[in-house]
Amino acid sequence: MAIKESDGQLRIRIVELFDDMNAVSRRELRHIPGNLIGRKIKIKEEKIKVSGDLVQMNLIVKSLTDLTAKFASYVKISPGLANRALEEISSILAMLSKAQSSLKIQARQELSQVNASRAAEIPVKAAQSSAYLLQRRLKDLEMTAAVLRRASQWLRLTNFIERRFQNAYVRLGKLIQELESYVLKGQMPQATMLLGIAKESQGIYHNLAEVAVFNPYYSFIHSAETERLLKSMSHAQAGKPKTVLNDLKIALRKIEKGAIGEKPTKEELQKARRSI
């Protein structure tokens, strides 16, 4: 997916089909970076830090670098030093036991070749293993940067679509208010006014359908409730202001989801309580 910015407007140039836009945003912004970099969990007073793959690799590389430095400082490798090194390598191999990337597998294979009878090879194998892991670390950093760039685009696109829903939500509300001022009094609005409201309602639908190409926004638009906007013209032509008003109100409830979200907020609850 790519977004082109022209004259301050965001336009979709290439679109890949995803089932749910919010799911993709979560994957790009939370899941992949979380797996690589780590997560900071903060709920109320609780604060927890969960390490990602990069942190683990940094620890392994540091251990291998320290191990290589120890061997470099000794002229003769003692059995005790070799045994301690083998224990540390065994611990590192356990950390790499479930590795799936080719570079991590290569790093594990280098360390697997080390044994007590070939202690002199420990610093060489440790350095080579460390080099593979540093290459993997660089790839993960590049991947994280690319993912975050895509996440930024998804967020901008989400905000762009939400702004259009918000504008439609406000405008449709005004049309309902205008029509209600007649219907609640039992008055018949002028035909031109009723047809104008229906025509604008249809325009609102098409304006939203133009950008709502991803779920959940796609499902909000292509629903029986929102498609009532398309039927409002035939009801207006038949001179049925109450039916037109009902069309608009039913559609408004669905458009509301795209404008202010599906999950009610604490502020909404407080306002509702104050209103009664």
C-alpha atoms as a PDB file:
ATOM      1  CA  MET A   1       0.000   0.000   0.000  1.00  0.00           C
ATOM      2  CA  ALA A   2       1.262   3.460  -0.830  1.00  0.00           C
ATOM      3  CA  ILE A   3      -0.208   6.875  -0.248  1.00  0.00           C
ATOM      4  CA  LYS A   4       0.422   9.868  -2.480  1.00  0.00           C
ATOM      5  CA  GLU A   5       0.116  13.328  -1.041  1.00  0.00           C
ATOM      6  CA  SER A   6      -0.928  15.985  -3.531  1.00  0.00           C
ATOM      7  CA  ASP A   7      -2.156  19.500  -2.727  1.00  0.00           C
ATOM      8  CA  GLY A   8      -2.624  18.480   0.878  1.00  0.00           C
ATOM      9  CA  GLN A   9      -4.841  15.538  -0.107  1.00  0.00           C
ATOM     10  CA  LEU A  10      -4.105  11.896   0.603  1.00  0.00           C
ATOM     11  CA  ARG A  11      -4.781   9.504  -2.246  1.00  0.00           C
ATOM     12  CA  ILE A  12      -4.414   5.739  -2.332  1.00  0.00           C
ATOM     13  CA  ARG A  13      -2.139   4.722  -5.192  1.00  0.00           C
ATOM     14  CA  ILE A  14      -1.738   0.997  -4.594  1.00  0.00           C
ATOM     15  CA  VAL A  15      -4.079  -1.011  -2.425  1.00  0.00           C
ATOM     16  CA  GLU A  16      -3.505  -4.527  -1.125  1.00  0.00           C
ATOM     17  CA  LEU A  17      -6.632  -6.300   0.069  1.00  0.00           C
ATOM     18  CA  PHE A  18      -6.726  -6.740   3.840  1.00  0.00           C
ATOM     19  CA  ASP A  19      -9.659  -8.069   5.800  1.00  0.00           C
ATOM     20  CA  ASP A  20      -9.527  -5.426   8.496  1.00  0.00           C
ATOM     21  CA  MET A  21      -7.680  -2.116   8.445  1.00  0.00           C
ATOM     22  CA  ASN A  22      -7.422  -1.900  12.237  1.00  0.00           C
ATOM     23  CA  ALA A  23      -5.965  -5.412  12.386  1.00  0.00           C
ATOM     24  CA  VAL A  24      -3.247  -4.414   9.912  1.00  0.00           C
ATOM     25  CA  SER A  25      -2.501  -1.230  11.873  1.00  0.00           C
ATOM     26  CA  ARG A  26      -2.145  -3.246  15.080  1.00  0.00           C
ATOM     27  CA  ARG A  27       0.167  -5.699  13.356  1.00  0.00           C
ATOM     28  CA  GLU A  28       2.362  -2.977  11.879  1.00  0.00           C
ATOM     29  CA  LEU A  29       2.429  -0.677  14.905  1.00  0.00           C
ATOM     30  CA  ARG A  30       2.257  -3.109  17.828  1.00  0.00           C
ATOM     31  CA  HIS A  31       2.829  -6.763  17.038  1.00  0.00           C
ATOM     32  CA  ILE A  32       5.877  -6.762  14.747  1.00  0.00           C
ATOM     33  CA  PRO A  33       7.801  -3.967  16.564  1.00  0.00           C
ATOM     34  CA  GLY A  34       6.770  -5.536  19.886  1.00  0.00           C
ATOM     35  CA  ASN A  35       8.210  -8.893  18.870  1.00  0.00           C
ATOM     36  CA  LEU A  36      11.449  -7.316  17.659  1.00  0.00           C
ATOM     37  CA  ILE A  37      12.050  -4.376  20.010  1.00  0.00           C
ATOM     38  CA  GLY A  38       9.923  -5.309  23.013  1.00  0.00           C
ATOM     39  CA  ARG A  39       6.823  -4.075  24.774  1.00  0.00           C
ATOM     40  CA  LYS A  40       6.194  -1.682  27.638  1.00  0.00           C
ATOM     41  CA  ILE A  41       2.959  -2.670  29.328  1.00  0.00           C
ATOM     42  CA  LYS A  42       1.342   0.046  31.396  1.00  0.00           C
ATOM     43  CA  ILE A  43      -2.147  -0.444  32.809  1.00  0.00           C
ATOM     44  CA  LYS A  44      -2.944   1.929  35.655  1.00  0.00           C
ATOM     45  CA  GLU A  45      -0.132   1.487  38.215  1.00  0.00           C
ATOM     46  CA  GLU A  46       1.203  -1.689  36.633  1.00  0.00           C
ATOM     47  CA  LYS A  47       4.366  -1.277  34.552  1.00  0.00           C
ATOM     48  CA  ILE A  48       5.944  -4.283  32.853  1.00  0.00           C
ATOM     49  CA  LYS A  49       8.703  -4.483  30.260  1.00  0.00           C
ATOM     50  CA  VAL A  50       8.779  -7.481  27.901  1.00  0.00           C
ATOM     51  CA  SER A  51      11.983  -7.941  25.901  1.00  0.00           C
ATOM     52  CA  GLY A  52      11.909  -8.433  22.150  1.00  0.00           C
ATOM     53  CA  ASP A  53      14.115 -10.468  19.852  1.00  0.00           C
ATOM     54  CA  LEU A  54      16.644  -7.650  19.422  1.00  0.00           C
ATOM     55  CA  VAL A  55      17.263  -7.471  23.171  1.00  0.00           C
ATOM     56  CA  GLN A  56      17.936 -11.207  23.275  1.00  0.00           C
ATOM     57  CA  MET A  57      20.367 -10.935  20.363  1.00  0.00           C
ATOM     58  CA  ASN A  58      22.162  -8.032  22.022  1.00  0.00           C
ATOM     59  CA  LEU A  59      22.645 -10.129  25.157  1.00  0.00           C
ATOM     60  CA  ILE A  60      23.944 -13.102  23.160  1.00  0.00           C
ATOM     61  CA  VAL A  61      26.325 -10.943  21.114  1.00  0.00           C
ATOM     62  CA  LYS A  62      27.622  -9.316  24.323  1.00  0.00           C
ATOM     63  CA  SER A  63      28.205 -12.744  25.886  1.00  0.00           C
ATOM     64  CA  LEU A  64      30.058 -13.959  22.788  1.00  0.00           C
ATOM     65  CA  THR A  65      32.133 -10.757  22.621  1.00  0.00           C
ATOM     66  CA  ASP A  66      33.067 -11.048  26.304  1.00  0.00           C
ATOM     67  CA  LEU A  67      33.929 -14.707  25.771  1.00  0.00           C
ATOM     68  CA  THR A  68      36.219 -13.866  22.853  1.00  0.00           C
ATOM     69  CA  ALA A  69      37.882 -11.113  24.916  1.00  0.00           C
ATOM     70  CA  LYS A  70      38.553 -13.547  27.785  1.00  0.00           C
ATOM     71  CA  PHE A  71      40.338 -15.966  25.480  1.00  0.00           C
ATOM     72  CA  ALA A  72      42.367 -13.132  23.958  1.00  0.00           C
ATOM     73  CA  SER A  73      43.674 -12.169  27.406  1.00  0.00           C
ATOM     74  CA  TYR A  74      45.086 -15.659  28.094  1.00  0.00           C
ATOM     75  CA  VAL A  75      48.248 -17.045  26.519  1.00  0.00           C
ATOM     76  CA  LYS A  76      47.273 -20.596  27.434  1.00  0.00           C
ATOM     77  CA  ILE A  77      43.742 -21.938  27.590  1.00  0.00           C
ATOM     78  CA  SER A  78      43.205 -23.741  30.875  1.00  0.00           C
ATOM     79  CA  PRO A  79      40.695 -26.600  31.235  1.00  0.00           C
ATOM     80  CA  GLY A  80      38.760 -24.469  33.717  1.00  0.00           C
ATOM     81  CA  LEU A  81      38.415 -21.591  31.240  1.00  0.00           C
ATOM     82  CA  ALA A  82      37.406 -23.977  28.473  1.00  0.00           C
ATOM     83  CA  ASN A  83      34.753 -25.631  30.657  1.00  0.00           C
ATOM     84  CA  ARG A  84      33.282 -22.290  31.722  1.00  0.00           C
ATOM     85  CA  ALA A  85      33.186 -21.211  28.081  1.00  0.00           C
ATOM     86  CA  LEU A  86      31.451 -24.438  27.062  1.00  0.00           C
ATOM     87  CA  GLU A  87      28.837 -23.918  29.792  1.00  0.00           C
ATOM     88  CA  GLU A  88      28.165 -20.410  28.520  1.00  0.00           C
ATOM     89  CA  ILE A  89      27.964 -21.621  24.931  1.00  0.00           C
ATOM     90  CA  SER A  90      25.551 -24.343  26.031  1.00  0.00           C
ATOM     91  CA  SER A  91      23.346 -21.659  27.560  1.00  0.00           C
ATOM     92  CA  ILE A  92      23.470 -19.604  24.353  1.00  0.00           C
ATOM     93  CA  LEU A  93      22.616 -22.678  22.256  1.00  0.00           C
ATOM     94  CA  ALA A  94      19.520 -23.184  24.412  1.00  0.00           C
ATOM     95  CA  MET A  95      18.472 -19.606  23.626  1.00  0.00           C
ATOM     96  CA  LEU A  96      18.970 -20.272  19.913  1.00  0.00           C
ATOM     97  CA  SER A  97      17.352 -23.713  19.958  1.00  0.00           C
ATOM     98  CA  LYS A  98      14.119 -22.522  18.337  1.00  0.00           C
ATOM     99  CA  ALA A  99      15.783 -20.162  15.851  1.00  0.00           C
ATOM    100  CA  GLN A 100      14.149 -20.114  12.403  1.00  0.00           C
ATOM    101  CA  SER A 101      16.045 -17.424  10.508  1.00  0.00           C
ATOM    102  CA  SER A 102      18.966 -18.654   8.409  1.00  0.00           C
ATOM    103  CA  LEU A 103      21.490 -16.351  10.101  1.00  0.00           C
ATOM    104  CA  LYS A 104      20.503 -17.505  13.593  1.00  0.00           C
ATOM    105  CA  ILE A 105      20.695 -21.120  12.452  1.00  0.00           C
ATOM    106  CA  GLN A 106      24.182 -20.469  11.077  1.00  0.00           C
ATOM    107  CA  ALA A 107      25.180 -18.875  14.388  1.00  0.00           C
ATOM    108  CA  ARG A 108      23.864 -21.917  16.255  1.00  0.00           C
ATOM    109  CA  GLN A 109      25.677 -24.317  13.924  1.00  0.00           C
ATOM    110  CA  GLU A 110      28.999 -22.530  14.502  1.00  0.00           C
ATOM    111  CA  LEU A 111      28.639 -22.837  18.278  1.00  0.00           C
ATOM    112  CA  SER A 112      27.451 -26.463  18.040  1.00  0.00           C
ATOM    113  CA  GLN A 113      30.823 -27.454  16.585  1.00  0.00           C
ATOM    114  CA  VAL A 114      32.673 -26.400  19.737  1.00  0.00           C
ATOM    115  CA  ASN A 115      33.747 -29.093  22.228  1.00  0.00           C
ATOM    116  CA  ALA A 116      36.360 -29.619  24.942  1.00  0.00           C
ATOM    117  CA  SER A 117      38.881 -31.214  22.570  1.00  0.00           C
ATOM    118  CA  ARG A 118      38.737 -28.171  20.276  1.00  0.00           C
ATOM    119  CA  ALA A 119      38.821 -25.443  22.923  1.00  0.00           C
ATOM    120  CA  ALA A 120      41.226 -23.359  20.847  1.00  0.00           C
ATOM    121  CA  GLU A 121      38.444 -22.845  18.289  1.00  0.00           C
ATOM    122  CA  ILE A 122      36.058 -21.303  20.842  1.00  0.00           C
ATOM    123  CA  PRO A 123      37.007 -17.632  20.190  1.00  0.00           C
ATOM    124  CA  VAL A 124      36.894 -18.176  16.409  1.00  0.00           C
ATOM    125  CA  LYS A 125      33.483 -19.846  16.517  1.00  0.00           C
ATOM    126  CA  ALA A 126      32.192 -17.264  19.002  1.00  0.00           C
ATOM    127  CA  ALA A 127      33.325 -14.401  16.747  1.00  0.00           C
ATOM    128  CA  GLN A 128      31.764 -15.998  13.650  1.00  0.00           C
ATOM    129  CA  SER A 129      28.524 -16.710  15.485  1.00  0.00           C
ATOM    130  CA  SER A 130      28.458 -13.132  16.755  1.00  0.00           C
ATOM    131  CA  ALA A 131      28.925 -11.858  13.175  1.00  0.00           C
ATOM    132  CA  TYR A 132      25.891 -13.841  11.976  1.00  0.00           C
ATOM    133  CA  LEU A 133      23.782 -12.515  14.826  1.00  0.00           C
ATOM    134  CA  LEU A 134      24.856  -8.925  14.135  1.00  0.00           C
ATOM    135  CA  GLN A 135      23.748  -9.389  10.507  1.00  0.00           C
ATOM    136  CA  ARG A 136      20.385 -10.675  11.749  1.00  0.00           C
ATOM    137  CA  ARG A 137      20.153  -7.741  14.153  1.00  0.00           C
ATOM    138  CA  LEU A 138      20.723  -5.295  11.282  1.00  0.00           C
ATOM    139  CA  LYS A 139      18.014  -6.987   9.209  1.00  0.00           C
ATOM    140  CA  ASP A 140      15.591  -6.798  12.141  1.00  0.00           C
ATOM    141  CA  LEU A 141      16.329  -3.098  12.642  1.00  0.00           C
ATOM    142  CA  GLU A 142      15.750  -2.438   8.936  1.00  0.00           C
ATOM    143  CA  MET A 143      12.529  -4.467   9.078  1.00  0.00           C
ATOM    144  CA  THR A 144      11.333  -2.546  12.135  1.00  0.00           C
ATOM    145  CA  ALA A 145      12.021   0.786  10.440  1.00  0.00           C
ATOM    146  CA  ALA A 146      10.126  -0.333   7.301  1.00  0.00           C
ATOM    147  CA  VAL A 147       7.191  -1.609   9.356  1.00  0.00           C
ATOM    148  CA  LEU A 148       6.958   1.648  11.292  1.00  0.00           C
ATOM    149  CA  ARG A 149       6.985   3.625   8.036  1.00  0.00           C
ATOM    150  CA  ARG A 150       4.070   1.508   6.801  1.00  0.00           C
ATOM    151  CA  ALA A 151       2.317   1.903  10.148  1.00  0.00           C
ATOM    152  CA  SER A 152       2.643   5.671   9.789  1.00  0.00           C
ATOM    153  CA  GLN A 153       0.969   5.473   6.384  1.00  0.00           C
ATOM    154  CA  TRP A 154      -1.839   3.303   7.737  1.00  0.00           C
ATOM    155  CA  LEU A 155      -2.460   5.732  10.587  1.00  0.00           C
ATOM    156  CA  ARG A 156      -2.556   8.675   8.203  1.00  0.00           C
ATOM    157  CA  LEU A 157      -4.980   6.811   5.952  1.00  0.00           C
ATOM    158  CA  THR A 158      -7.141   5.828   8.940  1.00  0.00           C
ATOM    159  CA  ASN A 159      -7.241   9.450  10.115  1.00  0.00           C
ATOM    160  CA  PHE A 160      -8.094  10.594   6.586  1.00  0.00           C
ATOM    161  CA  ILE A 161     -11.048   8.160   6.373  1.00  0.00           C
ATOM    162  CA  GLU A 162     -12.220   8.988   9.898  1.00  0.00           C
ATOM    163  CA  ARG A 163     -12.207  12.725   9.111  1.00  0.00           C
ATOM    164  CA  ARG A 164     -14.445  12.069   6.115  1.00  0.00           C
ATOM    165  CA  PHE A 165     -16.806  10.017   8.293  1.00  0.00           C
ATOM    166  CA  GLN A 166     -16.790  12.774  10.912  1.00  0.00           C
ATOM    167  CA  ASN A 167     -17.654  15.427   8.324  1.00  0.00           C
ATOM    168  CA  ALA A 168     -20.419  13.212   6.952  1.00  0.00           C
ATOM    169  CA  TYR A 169     -21.707  12.553  10.459  1.00  0.00           C
ATOM    170  CA  VAL A 170     -21.986  16.264  11.218  1.00  0.00           C
ATOM    171  CA  ARG A 171     -23.544  17.143   7.853  1.00  0.00           C
ATOM    172  CA  LEU A 172     -26.085  14.325   8.027  1.00  0.00           C
ATOM    173  CA  GLY A 173     -26.983  15.424  11.549  1.00  0.00           C
ATOM    174  CA  LYS A 174     -27.694  18.933  10.257  1.00  0.00           C
ATOM    175  CA  LEU A 175     -29.889  17.576   7.462  1.00  0.00           C
ATOM    176  CA  ILE A 176     -31.839  15.532  10.015  1.00  0.00           C
ATOM    177  CA  GLN A 177     -32.213  18.594  12.230  1.00  0.00           C
ATOM    178  CA  GLU A 178     -33.459  20.648   9.282  1.00  0.00           C
ATOM    179  CA  LEU A 179     -36.017  18.045   8.233  1.00  0.00           C
ATOM    180  CA  GLU A 180     -37.092  17.341  11.808  1.00  0.00           C
ATOM    181  CA  SER A 181     -38.065  20.976  12.289  1.00  0.00           C
ATOM    182  CA  TYR A 182     -40.921  20.329   9.817  1.00  0.00           C
ATOM    183  CA  VAL A 183     -41.829  16.721  10.606  1.00  0.00           C
ATOM    184  CA  LEU A 184     -42.138  17.210  14.380  1.00  0.00           C
ATOM    185  CA  LYS A 185     -44.567  20.065  13.801  1.00  0.00           C
ATOM    186  CA  GLY A 186     -46.586  18.023  11.316  1.00  0.00           C
ATOM    187  CA  GLN A 187     -45.644  20.404   8.501  1.00  0.00           C
ATOM    188  CA  MET A 188     -44.845  19.413   4.943  1.00  0.00           C
ATOM    189  CA  PRO A 189     -41.493  20.776   3.702  1.00  0.00           C
ATOM    190  CA  GLN A 190     -41.294  22.152   0.187  1.00  0.00           C
ATOM    191  CA  ALA A 191     -40.674  19.502  -2.473  1.00  0.00           C
ATOM    192  CA  THR A 192     -37.463  21.219  -3.600  1.00  0.00           C
ATOM    193  CA  MET A 193     -36.149  21.174  -0.040  1.00  0.00           C
ATOM    194  CA  LEU A 194     -37.018  17.502   0.473  1.00  0.00           C
ATOM    195  CA  LEU A 195     -35.450  16.516  -2.841  1.00  0.00           C
ATOM    196  CA  GLY A 196     -32.376  18.603  -2.004  1.00  0.00           C
ATOM    197  CA  ILE A 197     -31.909  16.786   1.318  1.00  0.00           C
ATOM    198  CA  ALA A 198     -32.278  13.401  -0.393  1.00  0.00           C
ATOM    199  CA  LYS A 199     -29.815  14.383  -3.108  1.00  0.00           C
ATOM    200  CA  GLU A 200     -27.238  15.543  -0.558  1.00  0.00           C
ATOM    201  CA  SER A 201     -27.766  12.345   1.446  1.00  0.00           C
ATOM    202  CA  GLN A 202     -26.943  10.297  -1.616  1.00  0.00           C
ATOM    203  CA  GLY A 203     -23.861  12.453  -2.144  1.00  0.00           C
ATOM    204  CA  ILE A 204     -22.758  11.746   1.441  1.00  0.00           C
ATOM    205  CA  TYR A 205     -23.065   8.010   0.790  1.00  0.00           C
ATOM    206  CA  HIS A 206     -20.975   8.131  -2.398  1.00  0.00           C
ATOM    207  CA  ASN A 207     -18.414  10.410  -0.760  1.00  0.00           C
ATOM    208  CA  LEU A 208     -17.864   7.836   2.004  1.00  0.00           C
ATOM    209  CA  ALA A 209     -17.964   4.818  -0.325  1.00  0.00           C
ATOM    210  CA  GLU A 210     -15.112   6.406  -2.293  1.00  0.00           C
ATOM    211  CA  VAL A 211     -12.676   5.997   0.631  1.00  0.00           C
ATOM    212  CA  ALA A 212     -14.226   3.173   2.687  1.00  0.00           C
ATOM    213  CA  VAL A 213     -12.359   0.402   0.858  1.00  0.00           C
ATOM    214  CA  PHE A 214     -11.194  -1.357   4.025  1.00  0.00           C
ATOM    215  CA  ASN A 215     -13.062  -2.923   6.904  1.00  0.00           C
ATOM    216  CA  PRO A 216     -14.430  -1.892   9.302  1.00  0.00           C
ATOM    217  CA  TYR A 217     -15.320   1.195   7.239  1.00  0.00           C
ATOM    218  CA  TYR A 218     -16.351  -0.862   4.211  1.00  0.00           C
ATOM    219  CA  SER A 219     -18.891  -2.779   6.318  1.00  0.00           C
ATOM    220  CA  PHE A 220     -20.256   0.485   7.748  1.00  0.00           C
ATOM    221  CA  ILE A 221     -21.013   1.802   4.261  1.00  0.00           C
ATOM    222  CA  HIS A 222     -22.132  -1.375   2.520  1.00  0.00           C
ATOM    223  CA  SER A 223     -24.810  -2.153   5.054  1.00  0.00           C
ATOM    224  CA  ALA A 224     -28.580  -2.081   4.758  1.00  0.00           C
ATOM    225  CA  GLU A 225     -28.720   0.790   7.262  1.00  0.00           C
ATOM    226  CA  THR A 226     -26.334   3.149   5.427  1.00  0.00           C
ATOM    227  CA  GLU A 227     -27.743   2.211   2.025  1.00  0.00           C
ATOM    228  CA  ARG A 228     -31.018   3.746   3.182  1.00  0.00           C
ATOM    229  CA  LEU A 229     -29.415   7.017   2.052  1.00  0.00           C
ATOM    230  CA  LEU A 230     -29.649   5.763  -1.536  1.00  0.00           C
ATOM    231  CA  LYS A 231     -33.369   5.034  -1.101  1.00  0.00           C
ATOM    232  CA  SER A 232     -34.120   8.465   0.332  1.00  0.00           C
ATOM    233  CA  MET A 233     -34.526   9.978  -3.160  1.00  0.00           C
ATOM    234  CA  SER A 234     -37.398   7.692  -4.159  1.00  0.00           C
ATOM    235  CA  HIS A 235     -39.073   8.432  -0.820  1.00  0.00           C
ATOM    236  CA  ALA A 236     -38.579  12.177  -1.341  1.00  0.00           C
ATOM    237  CA  GLN A 237     -40.032  11.961  -4.848  1.00  0.00           C
ATOM    238  CA  ALA A 238     -43.045  10.173  -3.342  1.00  0.00           C
ATOM    239  CA  GLY A 239     -43.476  13.086  -0.930  1.00  0.00           C
ATOM    240  CA  LYS A 240     -42.738  11.085   2.243  1.00  0.00           C
ATOM    241  CA  PRO A 241     -40.713  13.353   4.579  1.00  0.00           C
ATOM    242  CA  LYS A 242     -41.150  11.035   7.595  1.00  0.00           C
ATOM    243  CA  THR A 243     -39.709   8.111   5.627  1.00  0.00           C
ATOM    244  CA  VAL A 244     -36.802  10.257   4.400  1.00  0.00           C
ATOM    245  CA  LEU A 245     -36.143  11.353   7.970  1.00  0.00           C
ATOM    246  CA  ASN A 246     -36.176   7.730   9.102  1.00  0.00           C
ATOM    247  CA  ASP A 247     -33.753   6.812   6.286  1.00  0.00           C
ATOM    248  CA  LEU A 248     -31.307   9.470   7.453  1.00  0.00           C
ATOM    249  CA  LYS A 249     -31.569   8.572  11.147  1.00  0.00           C
ATOM    250  CA  ILE A 250     -30.978   4.868  10.530  1.00  0.00           C
ATOM    251  CA  ALA A 251     -27.943   5.625   8.330  1.00  0.00           C
ATOM    252  CA  LEU A 252     -26.603   8.068  10.904  1.00  0.00           C
ATOM    253  CA  ARG A 253     -26.305   5.319  13.512  1.00  0.00           C
ATOM    254  CA  LYS A 254     -24.034   3.306  11.226  1.00  0.00           C
ATOM    255  CA  ILE A 255     -21.943   6.277  10.085  1.00  0.00           C
ATOM    256  CA  GLU A 256     -21.497   7.179  13.746  1.00  0.00           C
ATOM    257  CA  LYS A 257     -19.343   4.062  14.178  1.00  0.00           C
ATOM    258  CA  GLY A 258     -16.841   5.320  11.628  1.00  0.00           C
ATOM    259  CA  ALA A 259     -16.930   8.878  12.985  1.00  0.00           C
ATOM    260  CA  ILE A 260     -16.545   8.373  16.735  1.00  0.00           C
ATOM    261  CA  GLY A 261     -15.766   4.653  17.084  1.00  0.00           C
ATOM    262  CA  GLU A 262     -17.747   1.609  18.127  1.00  0.00           C
ATOM    263  CA  LYS A 263     -16.690   1.583  21.775  1.00  0.00           C
ATOM    264  CA  PRO A 264     -18.538   4.141  23.928  1.00  0.00           C
ATOM    265  CA  THR A 265     -16.265   6.290  26.087  1.00  0.00           C
ATOM    266  CA  LYS A 266     -16.464   7.252  29.739  1.00  0.00           C
ATOM    267  CA  GLU A 267     -17.072  10.853  28.653  1.00  0.00           C
ATOM    268  CA  GLU A 268     -20.141   9.765  26.653  1.00  0.00           C
ATOM    269  CA  LEU A 269     -21.531   7.989  29.720  1.00  0.00           C
ATOM    270  CA  GLN A 270     -21.009  11.083  31.854  1.00  0.00           C
ATOM    271  CA  LYS A 271     -22.749  13.304  29.265  1.00  0.00           C
ATOM    272  CA  ALA A 272     -25.666  10.873  29.036  1.00  0.00           C
ATOM    273  CA  ARG A 273     -26.060  10.903  32.816  1.00  0.00           C
ATOM    274  CA  ARG A 274     -25.990  14.695  32.903  1.00  0.00           C
ATOM    275  CA  SER A 275     -28.625  14.900  30.185  1.00  0.00           C
ATOM    276  CA  ILE A 276     -31.163  13.047  32.373  1.00  0.00           C
END
